[in-house]
Amino acid sequence: MLASQSKFLKGSLFGLPAGFALSEALNDKQRKQLTSEITKTAAPLGKSIANSVS
């Protein structure tokens, strides 16, 4: 269990600053397009996980 928490922490420590830097480098149009793509991908995935859990 500790190993998985360590991996999560490492991923968060590197992923958060990288994501912030990426979002700061994008212009408004690119940011809106990225948000749209993430929403289209994440919404069905979230629904699928919710259906699997219940």
C-alpha atoms as a PDB file:
ATOM      1  CA  MET A   1       0.000   0.000   0.000  1.00  0.00           C
ATOM      2  CA  LEU A   2       2.822   2.393   0.839  1.00  0.00           C
ATOM      3  CA  ALA A   3       4.410   1.909  -2.593  1.00  0.00           C
ATOM      4  CA  SER A   4       1.219   2.954  -4.400  1.00  0.00           C
ATOM      5  CA  GLN A   5       0.897   6.036  -2.190  1.00  0.00           C
ATOM      6  CA  SER A   6       4.506   6.918  -2.955  1.00  0.00           C
ATOM      7  CA  LYS A   7       3.879   6.615  -6.700  1.00  0.00           C
ATOM      8  CA  PHE A   8       0.775   8.798  -6.397  1.00  0.00           C
ATOM      9  CA  LEU A   9       2.694  11.429  -4.443  1.00  0.00           C
ATOM     10  CA  LYS A  10       5.563  11.452  -6.958  1.00  0.00           C
ATOM     11  CA  GLY A  11       3.104  11.774  -9.831  1.00  0.00           C
ATOM     12  CA  SER A  12       1.326  14.645  -8.109  1.00  0.00           C
ATOM     13  CA  LEU A  13       4.543  16.452  -7.284  1.00  0.00           C
ATOM     14  CA  PHE A  14       5.689  16.335 -10.895  1.00  0.00           C
ATOM     15  CA  GLY A  15       2.307  16.487 -12.615  1.00  0.00           C
ATOM     16  CA  LEU A  16       0.865  19.542 -10.909  1.00  0.00           C
ATOM     17  CA  PRO A  17       3.709  21.936 -11.775  1.00  0.00           C
ATOM     18  CA  ALA A  18       3.941  20.500 -15.293  1.00  0.00           C
ATOM     19  CA  GLY A  19       0.198  20.968 -15.811  1.00  0.00           C
ATOM     20  CA  PHE A  20       0.344  24.497 -14.452  1.00  0.00           C
ATOM     21  CA  ALA A  21       3.270  25.381 -16.727  1.00  0.00           C
ATOM     22  CA  LEU A  22       1.445  23.919 -19.721  1.00  0.00           C
ATOM     23  CA  SER A  23      -1.734  25.850 -19.002  1.00  0.00           C
ATOM     24  CA  GLU A  24       0.198  29.082 -18.598  1.00  0.00           C
ATOM     25  CA  ALA A  25       1.902  28.550 -21.972  1.00  0.00           C
ATOM     26  CA  LEU A  26      -1.400  28.137 -23.846  1.00  0.00           C
ATOM     27  CA  ASN A  27      -3.385  31.018 -25.266  1.00  0.00           C
ATOM     28  CA  ASP A  28      -7.129  31.332 -24.596  1.00  0.00           C
ATOM     29  CA  LYS A  29      -8.183  29.523 -27.780  1.00  0.00           C
ATOM     30  CA  GLN A  30      -5.848  26.591 -27.107  1.00  0.00           C
ATOM     31  CA  ARG A  31      -6.956  26.434 -23.471  1.00  0.00           C
ATOM     32  CA  LYS A  32     -10.641  26.252 -24.507  1.00  0.00           C
ATOM     33  CA  GLN A  33      -9.906  23.510 -27.053  1.00  0.00           C
ATOM     34  CA  LEU A  34      -7.957  21.485 -24.485  1.00  0.00           C
ATOM     35  CA  THR A  35     -10.721  21.869 -21.910  1.00  0.00           C
ATOM     36  CA  SER A  36     -13.286  20.724 -24.468  1.00  0.00           C
ATOM     37  CA  GLU A  37     -11.259  17.635 -25.390  1.00  0.00           C
ATOM     38  CA  ILE A  38     -10.687  16.707 -21.747  1.00  0.00           C
ATOM     39  CA  THR A  39     -14.392  17.103 -20.995  1.00  0.00           C
ATOM     40  CA  LYS A  40     -15.394  14.932 -23.970  1.00  0.00           C
ATOM     41  CA  THR A  41     -12.968  12.227 -22.837  1.00  0.00           C
ATOM     42  CA  ALA A  42     -13.487  12.389 -19.079  1.00  0.00           C
ATOM     43  CA  ALA A  43     -17.298  12.544 -18.958  1.00  0.00           C
ATOM     44  CA  PRO A  44     -17.927   9.132 -20.568  1.00  0.00           C
ATOM     45  CA  LEU A  45     -15.089   7.627 -18.543  1.00  0.00           C
ATOM     46  CA  GLY A  46     -16.572   8.957 -15.304  1.00  0.00           C
ATOM     47  CA  LYS A  47     -20.014   7.616 -16.214  1.00  0.00           C
ATOM     48  CA  SER A  48     -18.540   4.223 -17.036  1.00  0.00           C
ATOM     49  CA  ILE A  49     -16.736   4.055 -13.697  1.00  0.00           C
ATOM     50  CA  ALA A  50     -19.875   5.140 -11.843  1.00  0.00           C
ATOM     51  CA  ASN A  51     -21.912   2.447 -13.587  1.00  0.00           C
ATOM     52  CA  SER A  52     -19.302  -0.186 -12.754  1.00  0.00           C
ATOM     53  CA  VAL A  53     -19.272   0.786  -9.089  1.00  0.00           C
ATOM     54  CA  SER A  54     -23.042   0.713  -8.685  1.00  0.00           C
END
